Amino acid sequence: MRVLIAYGTNEGQTASIAERIAGRLRDGAHEVVVTDLGTEAIDPDGFDGVVVGASIHAGRFQGEVARWVGKHVEVLNARPSWFFSVSLSEAGVLPGGGHEAAQAVIDAFLGSTEWSPWEAVSLAGAIRYRAYNWPMRRLVRLVVKRYGGEIDISRDHDYTDWAAVEKLAERVGEAMKGAGAAAR
């Protein structure tokens, strides 16, 4: 089965998660294409299943992801599709964060795009201090310090539950195998 994994990312954690899912699907003998919607908008019509990932920044997902989903919503709703959201809200290290806050952004996004993926998963992201410029590094440190996040700015801090990512990849792989068997 051909699976498209399309994502938007600001700092790279969503890309890392997309690649991990792709690796697991390839291990399951699926043909996988991974694309960053910030650099390349690919048509999902030639794929048997689609996984879309985006990260939450300032209460919304990347504009290129929202536009792409809106443009291809009929195709996405017509085949197996999944959505994963990446955020520090899910990690609980931002003001007003937590699972409920991340889920509210997901729900608003899916409602506004009219997309009904088979599953929408919220995953914790990472703080990539080393990728930030000095003022941003200090600002992020001040904010996350108040909420119990990691404040060592000499290194990055990964809050992603990689076991949850693996389980999502397994569910996608199993569903795609089932869809392939049903099509035969």
N, C-alpha and C. Protein backbone atom coordinates (compact mmCIF):
# COMPACT_ATOMS: atom_id res chain seq x y z
N MET A 1 0.84 -1.19 0.00
CA MET A 1 0.00 0.00 0.00
C MET A 1 0.89 1.25 0.00
N ARG A 2 0.43 2.26 -0.71
CA ARG A 2 1.15 3.54 -0.78
C ARG A 2 0.59 4.49 0.27
N VAL A 3 1.48 5.01 1.10
CA VAL A 3 1.08 5.91 2.17
C VAL A 3 1.84 7.22 2.02
N LEU A 4 1.11 8.32 2.10
CA LEU A 4 1.71 9.65 2.10
C LEU A 4 1.75 10.15 3.54
N ILE A 5 2.89 10.64 3.96
CA ILE A 5 3.00 11.34 5.24
C ILE A 5 3.38 12.77 4.91
N ALA A 6 2.45 13.68 5.14
CA ALA A 6 2.64 15.10 4.84
C ALA A 6 2.61 15.86 6.17
N TYR A 7 3.54 16.80 6.32
CA TYR A 7 3.62 17.48 7.61
C TYR A 7 4.06 18.93 7.43
N GLY A 8 3.83 19.69 8.49
CA GLY A 8 4.36 21.03 8.62
C GLY A 8 5.16 21.07 9.91
N THR A 9 6.25 21.78 9.92
CA THR A 9 7.08 21.85 11.13
C THR A 9 7.76 23.21 11.22
N ASN A 10 7.97 23.67 12.42
CA ASN A 10 8.70 24.92 12.63
C ASN A 10 10.12 24.65 13.09
N GLU A 11 10.29 23.66 13.96
CA GLU A 11 11.60 23.43 14.56
C GLU A 11 12.12 22.02 14.34
N GLY A 12 11.34 21.16 13.66
CA GLY A 12 11.85 19.86 13.29
C GLY A 12 11.29 18.66 14.04
N GLN A 13 10.59 18.85 15.16
CA GLN A 13 10.09 17.70 15.90
C GLN A 13 9.00 16.96 15.13
N THR A 14 8.14 17.68 14.45
CA THR A 14 7.09 17.03 13.66
C THR A 14 7.72 16.22 12.54
N ALA A 15 8.78 16.74 11.94
CA ALA A 15 9.50 15.99 10.90
C ALA A 15 10.09 14.71 11.47
N SER A 16 10.66 14.79 12.67
CA SER A 16 11.24 13.60 13.31
C SER A 16 10.17 12.54 13.56
N ILE A 17 9.01 12.97 14.00
CA ILE A 17 7.91 12.03 14.25
C ILE A 17 7.42 11.43 12.94
N ALA A 18 7.29 12.26 11.90
CA ALA A 18 6.87 11.76 10.59
C ALA A 18 7.84 10.70 10.07
N GLU A 19 9.12 10.94 10.23
CA GLU A 19 10.13 9.98 9.77
C GLU A 19 10.07 8.68 10.57
N ARG A 20 9.80 8.78 11.86
CA ARG A 20 9.69 7.57 12.68
C ARG A 20 8.50 6.73 12.22
N ILE A 21 7.37 7.38 11.97
CA ILE A 21 6.19 6.67 11.47
C ILE A 21 6.50 6.04 10.12
N ALA A 22 7.16 6.79 9.25
CA ALA A 22 7.52 6.28 7.92
C ALA A 22 8.39 5.04 8.03
N GLY A 23 9.36 5.07 8.91
CA GLY A 23 10.25 3.92 9.10
C GLY A 23 9.49 2.67 9.51
N ARG A 24 8.57 2.84 10.43
CA ARG A 24 7.76 1.69 10.88
C ARG A 24 6.90 1.16 9.75
N LEU A 25 6.31 2.06 8.96
CA LEU A 25 5.47 1.61 7.85
C LEU A 25 6.31 0.91 6.78
N ARG A 26 7.49 1.42 6.52
CA ARG A 26 8.39 0.76 5.57
C ARG A 26 8.79 -0.63 6.06
N ASP A 27 9.01 -0.76 7.37
CA ASP A 27 9.30 -2.06 7.94
C ASP A 27 8.16 -3.04 7.69
N GLY A 28 6.94 -2.52 7.59
CA GLY A 28 5.76 -3.33 7.32
C GLY A 28 5.49 -3.50 5.83
N ALA A 29 6.48 -3.17 5.00
CA ALA A 29 6.43 -3.36 3.55
C ALA A 29 5.48 -2.41 2.83
N HIS A 30 5.21 -1.27 3.44
CA HIS A 30 4.42 -0.25 2.75
C HIS A 30 5.35 0.69 2.00
N GLU A 31 4.88 1.21 0.89
CA GLU A 31 5.61 2.24 0.16
C GLU A 31 5.21 3.58 0.77
N VAL A 32 6.19 4.33 1.22
CA VAL A 32 5.90 5.56 1.96
C VAL A 32 6.62 6.74 1.31
N VAL A 33 5.88 7.83 1.14
CA VAL A 33 6.44 9.10 0.68
C VAL A 33 6.24 10.10 1.81
N VAL A 34 7.32 10.76 2.22
CA VAL A 34 7.26 11.77 3.27
C VAL A 34 7.54 13.13 2.65
N THR A 35 6.68 14.11 2.95
CA THR A 35 6.88 15.44 2.38
C THR A 35 6.60 16.53 3.40
N ASP A 36 7.43 17.56 3.38
CA ASP A 36 7.25 18.75 4.20
C ASP A 36 6.39 19.72 3.40
N LEU A 37 5.18 19.98 3.87
CA LEU A 37 4.26 20.86 3.14
C LEU A 37 4.74 22.30 3.09
N GLY A 38 5.73 22.63 3.89
CA GLY A 38 6.33 23.96 3.83
C GLY A 38 7.22 24.13 2.61
N THR A 39 7.64 23.03 2.01
CA THR A 39 8.52 23.10 0.84
C THR A 39 7.95 22.45 -0.39
N GLU A 40 7.00 21.51 -0.22
CA GLU A 40 6.45 20.80 -1.37
C GLU A 40 5.01 20.36 -1.07
N ALA A 41 4.09 20.77 -1.90
CA ALA A 41 2.69 20.36 -1.75
C ALA A 41 2.41 19.24 -2.75
N ILE A 42 2.21 18.04 -2.26
CA ILE A 42 2.00 16.87 -3.11
C ILE A 42 0.52 16.50 -3.11
N ASP A 43 0.04 15.99 -4.22
CA ASP A 43 -1.36 15.59 -4.35
C ASP A 43 -1.55 14.23 -3.68
N PRO A 44 -2.47 14.11 -2.72
CA PRO A 44 -2.67 12.85 -2.01
C PRO A 44 -3.50 11.83 -2.79
N ASP A 45 -4.00 12.21 -3.96
CA ASP A 45 -4.93 11.34 -4.68
C ASP A 45 -4.33 10.00 -5.08
N GLY A 46 -3.04 9.93 -5.33
CA GLY A 46 -2.43 8.68 -5.76
C GLY A 46 -2.02 7.74 -4.62
N PHE A 47 -2.47 8.02 -3.42
CA PHE A 47 -2.07 7.23 -2.25
C PHE A 47 -3.26 6.48 -1.67
N ASP A 48 -2.96 5.33 -1.07
CA ASP A 48 -4.01 4.51 -0.46
C ASP A 48 -4.38 5.01 0.94
N GLY A 49 -3.46 5.70 1.59
CA GLY A 49 -3.68 6.25 2.91
C GLY A 49 -2.82 7.47 3.12
N VAL A 50 -3.24 8.35 4.03
CA VAL A 50 -2.52 9.60 4.27
C VAL A 50 -2.42 9.86 5.76
N VAL A 51 -1.22 10.23 6.20
CA VAL A 51 -0.98 10.67 7.56
C VAL A 51 -0.52 12.13 7.47
N VAL A 52 -1.15 12.99 8.25
CA VAL A 52 -0.80 14.41 8.25
C VAL A 52 -0.35 14.79 9.66
N GLY A 53 0.74 15.54 9.74
CA GLY A 53 1.23 16.02 11.03
C GLY A 53 1.44 17.52 10.99
N ALA A 54 1.20 18.16 12.13
CA ALA A 54 1.43 19.61 12.23
C ALA A 54 1.71 19.94 13.68
N SER A 55 2.39 21.05 13.89
CA SER A 55 2.69 21.48 15.25
C SER A 55 1.91 22.74 15.59
N ILE A 56 1.55 22.82 16.86
CA ILE A 56 0.80 23.98 17.35
C ILE A 56 1.77 25.07 17.77
N HIS A 57 1.56 26.25 17.23
CA HIS A 57 2.31 27.44 17.64
C HIS A 57 1.31 28.58 17.75
N ALA A 58 1.28 29.22 18.89
CA ALA A 58 0.37 30.34 19.15
C ALA A 58 -1.08 29.94 18.88
N GLY A 59 -1.43 28.71 19.27
CA GLY A 59 -2.82 28.27 19.19
C GLY A 59 -3.31 27.85 17.82
N ARG A 60 -2.38 27.65 16.88
CA ARG A 60 -2.81 27.20 15.55
C ARG A 60 -1.72 26.36 14.90
N PHE A 61 -2.14 25.66 13.83
CA PHE A 61 -1.20 24.85 13.07
C PHE A 61 -0.62 25.68 11.93
N GLN A 62 0.42 25.17 11.30
CA GLN A 62 1.04 25.85 10.17
C GLN A 62 -0.01 26.13 9.09
N GLY A 63 0.05 27.33 8.53
CA GLY A 63 -0.90 27.74 7.49
C GLY A 63 -0.85 26.83 6.27
N GLU A 64 0.36 26.37 5.91
CA GLU A 64 0.47 25.51 4.72
C GLU A 64 -0.24 24.18 4.94
N VAL A 65 -0.28 23.69 6.17
CA VAL A 65 -0.99 22.44 6.46
C VAL A 65 -2.49 22.68 6.36
N ALA A 66 -2.96 23.75 6.97
CA ALA A 66 -4.40 24.05 6.91
C ALA A 66 -4.87 24.25 5.47
N ARG A 67 -4.08 24.97 4.69
CA ARG A 67 -4.47 25.19 3.28
C ARG A 67 -4.47 23.88 2.50
N TRP A 68 -3.46 23.03 2.72
CA TRP A 68 -3.35 21.77 2.00
C TRP A 68 -4.50 20.84 2.37
N VAL A 69 -4.80 20.73 3.66
CA VAL A 69 -5.93 19.89 4.10
C VAL A 69 -7.23 20.43 3.51
N GLY A 70 -7.42 21.74 3.55
CA GLY A 70 -8.63 22.33 2.98
C GLY A 70 -8.77 22.04 1.49
N LYS A 71 -7.67 22.11 0.77
CA LYS A 71 -7.69 21.86 -0.67
C LYS A 71 -7.98 20.40 -1.00
N HIS A 72 -7.52 19.48 -0.14
CA HIS A 72 -7.62 18.04 -0.43
C HIS A 72 -8.56 17.31 0.51
N VAL A 73 -9.45 18.02 1.19
CA VAL A 73 -10.29 17.39 2.20
C VAL A 73 -11.16 16.27 1.64
N GLU A 74 -11.65 16.40 0.43
CA GLU A 74 -12.48 15.33 -0.15
C GLU A 74 -11.67 14.05 -0.33
N VAL A 75 -10.44 14.19 -0.80
CA VAL A 75 -9.56 13.02 -0.97
C VAL A 75 -9.24 12.42 0.40
N LEU A 76 -8.94 13.27 1.38
CA LEU A 76 -8.60 12.78 2.71
C LEU A 76 -9.77 12.05 3.36
N ASN A 77 -10.97 12.56 3.16
CA ASN A 77 -12.15 11.92 3.74
C ASN A 77 -12.55 10.65 3.01
N ALA A 78 -12.05 10.45 1.80
CA ALA A 78 -12.44 9.30 0.98
C ALA A 78 -11.53 8.08 1.19
N ARG A 79 -10.51 8.22 2.00
CA ARG A 79 -9.59 7.09 2.23
C ARG A 79 -9.11 7.11 3.67
N PRO A 80 -8.43 6.04 4.08
CA PRO A 80 -7.89 6.05 5.44
C PRO A 80 -6.93 7.23 5.62
N SER A 81 -7.17 7.99 6.67
CA SER A 81 -6.29 9.12 6.95
C SER A 81 -6.19 9.31 8.46
N TRP A 82 -5.06 9.86 8.88
CA TRP A 82 -4.77 10.09 10.28
C TRP A 82 -4.16 11.47 10.43
N PHE A 83 -4.31 12.04 11.63
CA PHE A 83 -3.71 13.33 11.94
C PHE A 83 -2.97 13.23 13.26
N PHE A 84 -1.75 13.76 13.28
CA PHE A 84 -1.04 13.88 14.56
C PHE A 84 -0.62 15.33 14.76
N SER A 85 -0.85 15.79 15.97
CA SER A 85 -0.53 17.15 16.39
C SER A 85 0.65 17.08 17.35
N VAL A 86 1.55 18.03 17.24
CA VAL A 86 2.73 18.08 18.11
C VAL A 86 2.74 19.42 18.82
N SER A 87 2.89 19.38 20.15
CA SER A 87 2.89 20.66 20.87
C SER A 87 3.52 20.54 22.25
N LEU A 88 3.97 21.66 22.73
CA LEU A 88 4.42 21.73 24.12
C LEU A 88 3.22 21.85 25.04
N SER A 89 2.05 22.23 24.50
CA SER A 89 0.83 22.22 25.31
C SER A 89 0.58 20.83 25.84
N GLU A 90 0.73 19.83 24.97
CA GLU A 90 0.52 18.44 25.39
C GLU A 90 1.50 18.05 26.49
N ALA A 91 2.69 18.62 26.46
CA ALA A 91 3.69 18.33 27.49
C ALA A 91 3.36 19.04 28.80
N GLY A 92 2.47 20.03 28.74
CA GLY A 92 2.09 20.76 29.95
C GLY A 92 3.12 21.75 30.43
N VAL A 93 4.00 22.23 29.53
CA VAL A 93 5.05 23.15 29.96
C VAL A 93 4.82 24.57 29.44
N LEU A 94 3.59 24.85 29.02
CA LEU A 94 3.24 26.19 28.57
C LEU A 94 2.02 26.68 29.34
N PRO A 95 1.86 28.00 29.49
CA PRO A 95 0.68 28.51 30.16
C PRO A 95 -0.58 28.09 29.41
N GLY A 96 -1.58 27.66 30.14
CA GLY A 96 -2.82 27.24 29.52
C GLY A 96 -2.69 25.93 28.76
N GLY A 97 -1.61 25.21 29.04
CA GLY A 97 -1.34 23.97 28.32
C GLY A 97 -2.06 22.78 28.89
N GLY A 98 -1.63 21.62 28.48
CA GLY A 98 -2.24 20.37 28.89
C GLY A 98 -2.98 19.75 27.72
N HIS A 99 -3.41 18.53 27.92
CA HIS A 99 -4.07 17.79 26.86
C HIS A 99 -5.34 18.49 26.36
N GLU A 100 -6.13 19.04 27.27
CA GLU A 100 -7.39 19.68 26.87
C GLU A 100 -7.13 20.87 25.95
N ALA A 101 -6.10 21.65 26.24
CA ALA A 101 -5.78 22.80 25.39
C ALA A 101 -5.34 22.34 24.00
N ALA A 102 -4.49 21.32 23.95
CA ALA A 102 -4.05 20.79 22.64
C ALA A 102 -5.23 20.20 21.88
N GLN A 103 -6.10 19.47 22.58
CA GLN A 103 -7.25 18.85 21.93
C GLN A 103 -8.21 19.92 21.38
N ALA A 104 -8.35 21.01 22.07
CA ALA A 104 -9.23 22.09 21.59
C ALA A 104 -8.72 22.65 20.26
N VAL A 105 -7.40 22.79 20.11
CA VAL A 105 -6.84 23.28 18.85
C VAL A 105 -7.08 22.25 17.74
N ILE A 106 -6.90 20.97 18.06
CA ILE A 106 -7.16 19.91 17.08
C ILE A 106 -8.62 19.93 16.64
N ASP A 107 -9.52 20.00 17.61
CA ASP A 107 -10.95 19.99 17.30
C ASP A 107 -11.35 21.17 16.42
N ALA A 108 -10.81 22.35 16.73
CA ALA A 108 -11.11 23.54 15.93
C ALA A 108 -10.58 23.38 14.51
N PHE A 109 -9.38 22.84 14.37
CA PHE A 109 -8.78 22.63 13.05
C PHE A 109 -9.61 21.65 12.23
N LEU A 110 -9.95 20.52 12.82
CA LEU A 110 -10.73 19.52 12.08
C LEU A 110 -12.11 20.06 11.73
N GLY A 111 -12.71 20.81 12.64
CA GLY A 111 -14.02 21.41 12.35
C GLY A 111 -13.96 22.43 11.23
N SER A 112 -12.93 23.26 11.23
CA SER A 112 -12.84 24.31 10.20
C SER A 112 -12.49 23.74 8.83
N THR A 113 -11.78 22.62 8.80
CA THR A 113 -11.41 22.02 7.51
C THR A 113 -12.42 20.98 7.04
N GLU A 114 -13.32 20.57 7.94
CA GLU A 114 -14.31 19.52 7.67
C GLU A 114 -13.66 18.17 7.35
N TRP A 115 -12.46 17.97 7.87
CA TRP A 115 -11.76 16.71 7.70
C TRP A 115 -12.12 15.78 8.84
N SER A 116 -12.39 14.51 8.51
CA SER A 116 -12.71 13.49 9.51
C SER A 116 -11.69 12.35 9.42
N PRO A 117 -10.50 12.56 9.97
CA PRO A 117 -9.51 11.48 9.92
C PRO A 117 -9.98 10.29 10.75
N TRP A 118 -9.43 9.12 10.45
CA TRP A 118 -9.77 7.93 11.22
C TRP A 118 -9.36 8.11 12.68
N GLU A 119 -8.29 8.85 12.89
CA GLU A 119 -7.80 9.08 14.24
C GLU A 119 -7.02 10.39 14.25
N ALA A 120 -7.16 11.14 15.34
CA ALA A 120 -6.38 12.36 15.55
C ALA A 120 -5.68 12.22 16.91
N VAL A 121 -4.37 12.31 16.89
CA VAL A 121 -3.56 12.06 18.09
C VAL A 121 -2.77 13.31 18.46
N SER A 122 -2.75 13.61 19.74
CA SER A 122 -1.96 14.73 20.24
C SER A 122 -0.70 14.18 20.90
N LEU A 123 0.45 14.69 20.46
CA LEU A 123 1.74 14.25 20.98
C LEU A 123 2.51 15.45 21.53
N ALA A 124 3.26 15.20 22.57
CA ALA A 124 4.11 16.26 23.13
C ALA A 124 5.30 16.49 22.21
N GLY A 125 5.75 17.72 22.14
CA GLY A 125 6.86 18.08 21.27
C GLY A 125 8.18 18.14 22.00
N ALA A 126 9.00 19.07 21.60
CA ALA A 126 10.33 19.22 22.17
C ALA A 126 10.65 20.70 22.31
N ILE A 127 11.55 21.00 23.22
CA ILE A 127 12.11 22.34 23.31
C ILE A 127 13.48 22.25 22.67
N ARG A 128 13.68 22.97 21.60
CA ARG A 128 14.95 22.92 20.87
C ARG A 128 15.74 24.20 21.13
N TYR A 129 16.20 24.32 22.36
CA TYR A 129 16.93 25.52 22.75
C TYR A 129 18.07 25.84 21.79
N ARG A 130 18.79 24.81 21.35
CA ARG A 130 19.97 25.06 20.51
C ARG A 130 19.60 25.61 19.14
N ALA A 131 18.34 25.46 18.73
CA ALA A 131 17.91 26.00 17.44
C ALA A 131 17.43 27.45 17.56
N TYR A 132 17.18 27.91 18.77
CA TYR A 132 16.66 29.26 18.97
C TYR A 132 17.80 30.27 19.00
N ASN A 133 17.48 31.50 18.58
CA ASN A 133 18.46 32.57 18.77
C ASN A 133 18.49 32.91 20.27
N TRP A 134 19.46 33.69 20.68
CA TRP A 134 19.65 33.95 22.11
C TRP A 134 18.42 34.56 22.78
N PRO A 135 17.79 35.62 22.23
CA PRO A 135 16.61 36.17 22.90
C PRO A 135 15.47 35.14 23.02
N MET A 136 15.24 34.35 21.96
CA MET A 136 14.18 33.34 22.01
C MET A 136 14.50 32.26 23.04
N ARG A 137 15.75 31.87 23.13
CA ARG A 137 16.19 30.87 24.11
C ARG A 137 15.84 31.34 25.52
N ARG A 138 16.15 32.59 25.81
CA ARG A 138 15.88 33.16 27.14
C ARG A 138 14.38 33.27 27.40
N LEU A 139 13.62 33.71 26.39
CA LEU A 139 12.17 33.85 26.55
C LEU A 139 11.52 32.49 26.81
N VAL A 140 11.86 31.49 26.01
CA VAL A 140 11.28 30.16 26.20
C VAL A 140 11.66 29.63 27.58
N ARG A 141 12.89 29.83 27.99
CA ARG A 141 13.33 29.37 29.31
C ARG A 141 12.50 30.00 30.42
N LEU A 142 12.24 31.30 30.33
CA LEU A 142 11.42 31.99 31.34
C LEU A 142 10.01 31.42 31.40
N VAL A 143 9.43 31.19 30.24
CA VAL A 143 8.05 30.68 30.19
C VAL A 143 7.97 29.27 30.75
N VAL A 144 8.81 28.37 30.28
CA VAL A 144 8.71 26.98 30.72
C VAL A 144 9.15 26.79 32.17
N LYS A 145 9.98 27.67 32.66
CA LYS A 145 10.41 27.57 34.07
C LYS A 145 9.20 27.66 35.00
N ARG A 146 8.26 28.52 34.67
CA ARG A 146 7.06 28.71 35.49
C ARG A 146 6.17 27.47 35.52
N TYR A 147 6.30 26.60 34.50
CA TYR A 147 5.40 25.45 34.37
C TYR A 147 6.13 24.12 34.51
N GLY A 148 7.33 24.16 35.05
CA GLY A 148 8.05 22.93 35.36
C GLY A 148 8.78 22.29 34.20
N GLY A 149 8.97 23.05 33.12
CA GLY A 149 9.70 22.51 31.97
C GLY A 149 11.20 22.57 32.19
N GLU A 150 11.91 21.96 31.29
CA GLU A 150 13.37 21.92 31.36
C GLU A 150 13.95 23.30 31.02
N ILE A 151 14.88 23.76 31.84
CA ILE A 151 15.43 25.10 31.65
C ILE A 151 16.91 25.12 31.31
N ASP A 152 17.51 23.97 31.15
CA ASP A 152 18.92 23.90 30.75
C ASP A 152 19.00 24.25 29.26
N ILE A 153 19.43 25.49 28.98
CA ILE A 153 19.44 25.96 27.60
C ILE A 153 20.64 25.48 26.79
N SER A 154 21.51 24.70 27.41
CA SER A 154 22.68 24.19 26.68
C SER A 154 22.34 22.96 25.85
N ARG A 155 21.13 22.44 26.02
CA ARG A 155 20.73 21.26 25.24
C ARG A 155 19.24 21.30 24.94
N ASP A 156 18.81 20.43 24.03
CA ASP A 156 17.40 20.31 23.68
C ASP A 156 16.72 19.33 24.63
N HIS A 157 15.39 19.43 24.72
CA HIS A 157 14.62 18.58 25.63
C HIS A 157 13.44 17.99 24.87
N ASP A 158 13.41 16.68 24.80
CA ASP A 158 12.41 15.95 24.04
C ASP A 158 11.33 15.41 24.98
N TYR A 159 10.09 15.87 24.79
CA TYR A 159 8.97 15.41 25.61
C TYR A 159 8.11 14.38 24.87
N THR A 160 8.46 14.07 23.64
CA THR A 160 7.64 13.17 22.84
C THR A 160 7.62 11.77 23.43
N ASP A 161 6.44 11.19 23.51
CA ASP A 161 6.27 9.81 23.94
C ASP A 161 6.47 8.94 22.70
N TRP A 162 7.69 8.46 22.51
CA TRP A 162 8.02 7.71 21.30
C TRP A 162 7.30 6.38 21.23
N ALA A 163 6.94 5.83 22.38
CA ALA A 163 6.14 4.59 22.38
C ALA A 163 4.75 4.87 21.79
N ALA A 164 4.19 6.04 22.09
CA ALA A 164 2.89 6.41 21.51
C ALA A 164 3.02 6.61 20.00
N VAL A 165 4.14 7.16 19.54
CA VAL A 165 4.38 7.32 18.11
C VAL A 165 4.44 5.94 17.44
N GLU A 166 5.16 5.02 18.06
CA GLU A 166 5.27 3.66 17.53
C GLU A 166 3.89 2.99 17.46
N LYS A 167 3.08 3.18 18.48
CA LYS A 167 1.74 2.59 18.49
C LYS A 167 0.87 3.19 17.39
N LEU A 168 0.98 4.49 17.17
CA LEU A 168 0.24 5.11 16.07
C LEU A 168 0.68 4.50 14.75
N ALA A 169 1.97 4.37 14.55
CA ALA A 169 2.48 3.78 13.31
C ALA A 169 1.96 2.35 13.14
N GLU A 170 1.91 1.60 14.22
CA GLU A 170 1.38 0.23 14.15
C GLU A 170 -0.08 0.23 13.74
N ARG A 171 -0.88 1.14 14.32
CA ARG A 171 -2.32 1.21 13.97
C ARG A 171 -2.49 1.58 12.50
N VAL A 172 -1.68 2.53 12.02
CA VAL A 172 -1.75 2.91 10.61
C VAL A 172 -1.38 1.72 9.74
N GLY A 173 -0.29 1.05 10.07
CA GLY A 173 0.17 -0.09 9.29
C GLY A 173 -0.86 -1.21 9.25
N GLU A 174 -1.46 -1.52 10.38
CA GLU A 174 -2.48 -2.58 10.42
C GLU A 174 -3.71 -2.18 9.61
N ALA A 175 -4.13 -0.94 9.73
CA ALA A 175 -5.29 -0.48 8.96
C ALA A 175 -5.00 -0.54 7.46
N MET A 176 -3.78 -0.17 7.08
CA MET A 176 -3.43 -0.20 5.65
C MET A 176 -3.37 -1.63 5.14
N LYS A 177 -2.86 -2.55 5.95
CA LYS A 177 -2.86 -3.96 5.55
C LYS A 177 -4.30 -4.44 5.37
N GLY A 178 -5.18 -4.08 6.30
CA GLY A 178 -6.59 -4.46 6.20
C GLY A 178 -7.25 -3.86 4.97
N ALA A 179 -6.90 -2.59 4.67
CA ALA A 179 -7.47 -1.94 3.48
C ALA A 179 -6.96 -2.62 2.22
N GLY A 180 -5.70 -3.06 2.22
CA GLY A 180 -5.14 -3.75 1.06
C GLY A 180 -5.80 -5.10 0.84
N ALA A 181 -6.04 -5.83 1.95
CA ALA A 181 -6.70 -7.12 1.85
C ALA A 181 -8.13 -6.97 1.37
N ALA A 182 -8.82 -5.93 1.84
CA ALA A 182 -10.21 -5.71 1.42
C ALA A 182 -10.30 -5.34 -0.06
N ALA A 183 -9.26 -4.68 -0.57
CA ALA A 183 -9.26 -4.25 -1.98
C ALA A 183 -8.98 -5.41 -2.94
N ARG A 184 -8.41 -6.49 -2.41
CA ARG A 184 -8.07 -7.64 -3.28
C ARG A 184 -9.25 -8.45 -3.61
